[in-house]
Structures are given as structure tokens and as C-alpha cells.
Amino acid sequence: MVLSETLEPPKEVKTMVNLKDYAPFTGLLIFGNIENLILASQGAVAHVDPFILGGLSLIAVIIWLLIGTYGTKVAIKYADYIEIFGGVAIIILGLQSMIEAMGVSLFP
């Protein structure tokens, strides 16, 4: 008997999350994380208590994780629109951050 005849082929491993479902949202995931860093730096510059800022950031991330996990199946047909609106929001928040970093207050 040959050893290769007795071995079974490896079984397919099932994962809890299918990353292919999130592929249309990859840009938002990447740039959204960059925007989180920008917002965190704004909080640091404004001398916000880091524990409160960290707690609020963690709550926001968990909420977005839940929305993203359970809302992907519903939102996938609107992925192109979500990508556009999300990208515009990220650009606006980034511009606001850069303008305020130069000392110009947009909302006094």
C-alpha cells in the first residue's frame, strides 16, 4: 500500500467571514482608517482626554463593525453609491482637518 493512497485530501476550511463580500468596500476601509487617524490627531491637538477619546473611538469602531458585518448583504447592491458618498465624506473631513491645522476655524 502506498502512503499517498491512505491519506485523504485536506478538507476545505470554512471561515466565519467571507472577505470577498467586503471587496467592493476596500477603498472605504482603507481611507476610513486613515480618517480615523486624522480625527484622533485632531482630538490630541484639541487636548481632549485620551481615555474618553479612545473609549468613544472604540465604541464607534464596534458600531461600524456591526453595521458592516450585518449590513453588507443589504448594502452590496448599493456599493458603488456608498463608495462615492463615503469617499466624498472622507475628502471633506480631511480638508477640514488640514484647514483647521493651519489655524483657520471653519466653525467658530
N, C-alpha and C. Protein backbone atom coordinates (compact mmCIF):
# COMPACT_ATOMS: atom_id res chain seq x y z
N MET A 1 0.84 -1.18 0.00
CA MET A 1 0.00 0.00 0.00
C MET A 1 0.89 1.25 0.00
N VAL A 2 0.57 2.17 -0.84
CA VAL A 2 1.32 3.40 -0.96
C VAL A 2 0.74 4.42 0.01
N LEU A 3 1.61 5.19 0.63
CA LEU A 3 1.18 6.17 1.63
C LEU A 3 0.21 7.19 1.05
N SER A 4 0.40 7.62 -0.18
CA SER A 4 -0.47 8.61 -0.79
C SER A 4 -1.89 8.10 -0.99
N GLU A 5 -2.06 6.79 -1.08
CA GLU A 5 -3.39 6.23 -1.23
C GLU A 5 -4.17 6.24 0.08
N THR A 6 -3.47 6.25 1.21
CA THR A 6 -4.15 6.21 2.50
C THR A 6 -4.50 7.60 3.03
N LEU A 7 -3.86 8.60 2.53
CA LEU A 7 -4.11 9.96 3.01
C LEU A 7 -5.31 10.56 2.30
N GLU A 8 -6.13 11.25 3.07
CA GLU A 8 -7.27 11.96 2.49
C GLU A 8 -6.83 13.35 2.08
N PRO A 9 -7.43 13.89 1.04
CA PRO A 9 -7.09 15.27 0.67
C PRO A 9 -7.53 16.22 1.79
N PRO A 10 -6.86 17.34 1.94
CA PRO A 10 -7.24 18.27 3.00
C PRO A 10 -8.64 18.81 2.77
N LYS A 11 -9.38 18.90 3.86
CA LYS A 11 -10.75 19.41 3.76
C LYS A 11 -10.72 20.93 3.71
N GLU A 12 -11.74 21.46 3.09
CA GLU A 12 -11.85 22.90 2.95
C GLU A 12 -12.14 23.53 4.31
N VAL A 13 -11.41 24.55 4.66
CA VAL A 13 -11.61 25.23 5.93
C VAL A 13 -12.60 26.35 5.73
N LYS A 14 -13.65 26.35 6.52
CA LYS A 14 -14.66 27.40 6.41
C LYS A 14 -14.32 28.50 7.40
N THR A 15 -14.38 29.71 6.93
CA THR A 15 -14.15 30.85 7.80
C THR A 15 -15.49 31.50 8.13
N MET A 16 -15.51 32.24 9.22
CA MET A 16 -16.74 32.90 9.63
C MET A 16 -17.09 34.06 8.71
N VAL A 17 -16.06 34.72 8.19
CA VAL A 17 -16.28 35.90 7.36
C VAL A 17 -15.73 35.63 5.96
N ASN A 18 -16.53 35.88 4.97
CA ASN A 18 -16.07 35.74 3.59
C ASN A 18 -15.58 37.11 3.14
N LEU A 19 -14.28 37.26 3.00
CA LEU A 19 -13.70 38.56 2.67
C LEU A 19 -14.08 39.03 1.28
N LYS A 20 -14.51 38.13 0.41
CA LYS A 20 -14.92 38.54 -0.93
C LYS A 20 -16.16 39.43 -0.87
N ASP A 21 -16.98 39.27 0.18
CA ASP A 21 -18.15 40.12 0.33
C ASP A 21 -17.77 41.58 0.56
N TYR A 22 -16.60 41.80 1.15
CA TYR A 22 -16.18 43.15 1.50
C TYR A 22 -15.31 43.81 0.43
N ALA A 23 -15.00 43.10 -0.63
CA ALA A 23 -14.11 43.62 -1.68
C ALA A 23 -14.57 44.95 -2.25
N PRO A 24 -15.88 45.16 -2.52
CA PRO A 24 -16.28 46.46 -3.06
C PRO A 24 -16.06 47.63 -2.10
N PHE A 25 -15.90 47.32 -0.81
CA PHE A 25 -15.74 48.37 0.18
C PHE A 25 -14.29 48.56 0.63
N THR A 26 -13.34 47.97 -0.08
CA THR A 26 -11.94 48.02 0.33
C THR A 26 -11.42 49.45 0.41
N GLY A 27 -11.76 50.27 -0.56
CA GLY A 27 -11.30 51.66 -0.54
C GLY A 27 -11.80 52.40 0.68
N LEU A 28 -13.07 52.20 1.03
CA LEU A 28 -13.61 52.88 2.21
C LEU A 28 -12.95 52.37 3.48
N LEU A 29 -12.66 51.08 3.54
CA LEU A 29 -11.99 50.54 4.72
C LEU A 29 -10.62 51.16 4.91
N ILE A 30 -9.86 51.27 3.83
CA ILE A 30 -8.51 51.82 3.93
C ILE A 30 -8.55 53.30 4.26
N PHE A 31 -9.30 54.08 3.48
CA PHE A 31 -9.32 55.52 3.70
C PHE A 31 -10.10 55.90 4.95
N GLY A 32 -11.06 55.07 5.35
CA GLY A 32 -11.77 55.31 6.61
C GLY A 32 -10.84 55.17 7.80
N ASN A 33 -9.93 54.21 7.74
CA ASN A 33 -8.95 54.05 8.82
C ASN A 33 -7.99 55.23 8.85
N ILE A 34 -7.61 55.72 7.69
CA ILE A 34 -6.75 56.91 7.65
C ILE A 34 -7.49 58.09 8.26
N GLU A 35 -8.78 58.22 7.95
CA GLU A 35 -9.57 59.32 8.51
C GLU A 35 -9.69 59.19 10.02
N ASN A 36 -9.78 57.97 10.54
CA ASN A 36 -9.81 57.78 11.99
C ASN A 36 -8.52 58.29 12.62
N LEU A 37 -7.40 58.08 11.95
CA LEU A 37 -6.14 58.60 12.47
C LEU A 37 -6.13 60.12 12.46
N ILE A 38 -6.68 60.72 11.41
CA ILE A 38 -6.74 62.18 11.33
C ILE A 38 -7.62 62.72 12.45
N LEU A 39 -8.78 62.12 12.67
CA LEU A 39 -9.67 62.58 13.72
C LEU A 39 -9.05 62.41 15.11
N ALA A 40 -8.31 61.32 15.30
CA ALA A 40 -7.63 61.11 16.58
C ALA A 40 -6.56 62.18 16.80
N SER A 41 -5.85 62.56 15.74
CA SER A 41 -4.83 63.60 15.90
C SER A 41 -5.48 64.95 16.18
N GLN A 42 -6.67 65.19 15.59
CA GLN A 42 -7.40 66.42 15.91
C GLN A 42 -7.76 66.45 17.39
N GLY A 43 -8.20 65.32 17.93
CA GLY A 43 -8.54 65.24 19.34
C GLY A 43 -7.33 65.48 20.23
N ALA A 44 -6.17 64.97 19.81
CA ALA A 44 -4.95 65.17 20.58
C ALA A 44 -4.53 66.64 20.56
N VAL A 45 -4.66 67.27 19.41
CA VAL A 45 -4.30 68.69 19.30
C VAL A 45 -5.24 69.56 20.13
N ALA A 46 -6.52 69.16 20.21
CA ALA A 46 -7.52 69.91 20.98
C ALA A 46 -7.45 69.59 22.47
N HIS A 47 -6.48 68.75 22.88
CA HIS A 47 -6.27 68.38 24.29
C HIS A 47 -7.48 67.70 24.90
N VAL A 48 -8.09 66.81 24.13
CA VAL A 48 -9.20 66.00 24.63
C VAL A 48 -8.61 64.89 25.49
N ASP A 49 -9.33 64.52 26.55
CA ASP A 49 -8.88 63.44 27.42
C ASP A 49 -8.69 62.17 26.58
N PRO A 50 -7.48 61.61 26.55
CA PRO A 50 -7.22 60.47 25.67
C PRO A 50 -8.07 59.23 26.01
N PHE A 51 -8.43 59.06 27.27
CA PHE A 51 -9.25 57.90 27.63
C PHE A 51 -10.67 58.05 27.11
N ILE A 52 -11.21 59.26 27.18
CA ILE A 52 -12.55 59.50 26.62
C ILE A 52 -12.51 59.35 25.11
N LEU A 53 -11.50 59.95 24.48
CA LEU A 53 -11.36 59.85 23.02
C LEU A 53 -11.18 58.39 22.59
N GLY A 54 -10.36 57.64 23.31
CA GLY A 54 -10.16 56.23 22.99
C GLY A 54 -11.43 55.42 23.17
N GLY A 55 -12.16 55.69 24.26
CA GLY A 55 -13.42 54.98 24.50
C GLY A 55 -14.46 55.27 23.44
N LEU A 56 -14.59 56.54 23.08
CA LEU A 56 -15.55 56.90 22.04
C LEU A 56 -15.15 56.32 20.68
N SER A 57 -13.85 56.31 20.40
CA SER A 57 -13.37 55.73 19.14
C SER A 57 -13.65 54.23 19.10
N LEU A 58 -13.44 53.56 20.23
CA LEU A 58 -13.70 52.12 20.29
C LEU A 58 -15.18 51.83 20.10
N ILE A 59 -16.04 52.62 20.72
CA ILE A 59 -17.48 52.44 20.55
C ILE A 59 -17.87 52.64 19.08
N ALA A 60 -17.33 53.68 18.46
CA ALA A 60 -17.63 53.94 17.04
C ALA A 60 -17.16 52.80 16.15
N VAL A 61 -15.97 52.27 16.42
CA VAL A 61 -15.45 51.17 15.62
C VAL A 61 -16.32 49.93 15.77
N ILE A 62 -16.76 49.63 16.99
CA ILE A 62 -17.61 48.46 17.21
C ILE A 62 -18.95 48.62 16.51
N ILE A 63 -19.52 49.83 16.58
CA ILE A 63 -20.79 50.07 15.89
C ILE A 63 -20.62 49.89 14.39
N TRP A 64 -19.55 50.45 13.81
CA TRP A 64 -19.33 50.31 12.38
C TRP A 64 -19.04 48.86 12.00
N LEU A 65 -18.36 48.13 12.89
CA LEU A 65 -18.12 46.71 12.63
C LEU A 65 -19.43 45.95 12.55
N LEU A 66 -20.32 46.21 13.49
CA LEU A 66 -21.62 45.53 13.49
C LEU A 66 -22.45 45.92 12.26
N ILE A 67 -22.47 47.20 11.96
CA ILE A 67 -23.21 47.65 10.78
C ILE A 67 -22.62 47.03 9.52
N GLY A 68 -21.30 47.03 9.42
CA GLY A 68 -20.65 46.46 8.25
C GLY A 68 -20.85 44.97 8.13
N THR A 69 -20.80 44.28 9.27
CA THR A 69 -20.95 42.82 9.24
C THR A 69 -22.36 42.41 8.83
N TYR A 70 -23.36 43.03 9.43
CA TYR A 70 -24.73 42.62 9.17
C TYR A 70 -25.38 43.39 8.02
N GLY A 71 -24.84 44.54 7.68
CA GLY A 71 -25.45 45.33 6.62
C GLY A 71 -24.87 45.10 5.24
N THR A 72 -23.77 44.33 5.15
CA THR A 72 -23.11 44.14 3.86
C THR A 72 -24.02 43.47 2.85
N LYS A 73 -24.74 42.45 3.28
CA LYS A 73 -25.61 41.74 2.34
C LYS A 73 -26.69 42.65 1.77
N VAL A 74 -27.18 43.57 2.58
CA VAL A 74 -28.21 44.50 2.11
C VAL A 74 -27.58 45.60 1.25
N ALA A 75 -26.42 46.08 1.68
CA ALA A 75 -25.80 47.24 1.03
C ALA A 75 -25.00 46.90 -0.21
N ILE A 76 -24.73 45.63 -0.46
CA ILE A 76 -23.84 45.27 -1.56
C ILE A 76 -24.36 45.77 -2.91
N LYS A 77 -25.68 45.82 -3.07
CA LYS A 77 -26.21 46.30 -4.36
C LYS A 77 -26.05 47.81 -4.51
N TYR A 78 -25.77 48.51 -3.41
CA TYR A 78 -25.56 49.96 -3.45
C TYR A 78 -24.08 50.31 -3.25
N ALA A 79 -23.18 49.35 -3.43
CA ALA A 79 -21.77 49.54 -3.12
C ALA A 79 -21.15 50.71 -3.87
N ASP A 80 -21.51 50.90 -5.13
CA ASP A 80 -20.92 52.00 -5.91
C ASP A 80 -21.32 53.36 -5.33
N TYR A 81 -22.58 53.51 -4.95
CA TYR A 81 -23.04 54.77 -4.38
C TYR A 81 -22.42 55.01 -3.00
N ILE A 82 -22.35 53.96 -2.21
CA ILE A 82 -21.75 54.08 -0.88
C ILE A 82 -20.29 54.47 -1.00
N GLU A 83 -19.61 53.89 -1.96
CA GLU A 83 -18.19 54.20 -2.18
C GLU A 83 -18.01 55.68 -2.54
N ILE A 84 -18.87 56.19 -3.40
CA ILE A 84 -18.78 57.60 -3.81
C ILE A 84 -19.05 58.52 -2.63
N PHE A 85 -20.18 58.30 -1.93
CA PHE A 85 -20.52 59.19 -0.81
C PHE A 85 -19.50 59.07 0.32
N GLY A 86 -19.03 57.87 0.59
CA GLY A 86 -18.01 57.69 1.62
C GLY A 86 -16.72 58.39 1.26
N GLY A 87 -16.33 58.28 0.00
CA GLY A 87 -15.11 58.95 -0.45
C GLY A 87 -15.22 60.46 -0.36
N VAL A 88 -16.38 61.00 -0.73
CA VAL A 88 -16.59 62.46 -0.62
C VAL A 88 -16.52 62.90 0.84
N ALA A 89 -17.14 62.12 1.73
CA ALA A 89 -17.12 62.48 3.16
C ALA A 89 -15.70 62.45 3.70
N ILE A 90 -14.92 61.45 3.30
CA ILE A 90 -13.53 61.35 3.76
C ILE A 90 -12.71 62.53 3.24
N ILE A 91 -12.92 62.93 1.99
CA ILE A 91 -12.19 64.07 1.43
C ILE A 91 -12.57 65.36 2.17
N ILE A 92 -13.86 65.57 2.42
CA ILE A 92 -14.31 66.78 3.12
C ILE A 92 -13.72 66.84 4.52
N LEU A 93 -13.78 65.72 5.26
CA LEU A 93 -13.22 65.72 6.62
C LEU A 93 -11.71 65.92 6.60
N GLY A 94 -11.03 65.35 5.61
CA GLY A 94 -9.59 65.55 5.50
C GLY A 94 -9.23 67.00 5.21
N LEU A 95 -9.97 67.64 4.30
CA LEU A 95 -9.74 69.06 4.00
C LEU A 95 -10.02 69.92 5.22
N GLN A 96 -11.10 69.62 5.93
CA GLN A 96 -11.42 70.37 7.15
C GLN A 96 -10.28 70.25 8.16
N SER A 97 -9.74 69.05 8.31
CA SER A 97 -8.64 68.83 9.24
C SER A 97 -7.41 69.63 8.85
N MET A 98 -7.07 69.64 7.56
CA MET A 98 -5.89 70.37 7.11
C MET A 98 -6.08 71.88 7.28
N ILE A 99 -7.29 72.38 6.97
CA ILE A 99 -7.55 73.81 7.10
C ILE A 99 -7.48 74.23 8.57
N GLU A 100 -8.08 73.43 9.45
CA GLU A 100 -8.04 73.77 10.88
C GLU A 100 -6.64 73.63 11.45
N ALA A 101 -5.81 72.74 10.88
CA ALA A 101 -4.43 72.60 11.34
C ALA A 101 -3.61 73.84 11.00
N MET A 102 -4.04 74.60 9.98
CA MET A 102 -3.35 75.84 9.62
C MET A 102 -3.82 77.01 10.47
N GLY A 103 -4.77 76.76 11.38
CA GLY A 103 -5.23 77.81 12.27
C GLY A 103 -6.50 78.50 11.86
N VAL A 104 -7.11 78.07 10.80
CA VAL A 104 -8.36 78.67 10.33
C VAL A 104 -9.52 77.88 10.92
N SER A 105 -10.40 78.56 11.64
CA SER A 105 -11.54 77.88 12.24
C SER A 105 -12.75 78.00 11.33
N LEU A 106 -13.21 76.86 10.83
CA LEU A 106 -14.34 76.86 9.93
C LEU A 106 -15.67 77.02 10.68
N PHE A 107 -15.71 76.47 11.88
CA PHE A 107 -16.94 76.52 12.68
C PHE A 107 -16.62 77.09 14.06
N PRO A 108 -16.66 78.42 14.19
CA PRO A 108 -16.29 79.05 15.47
C PRO A 108 -17.25 78.78 16.59
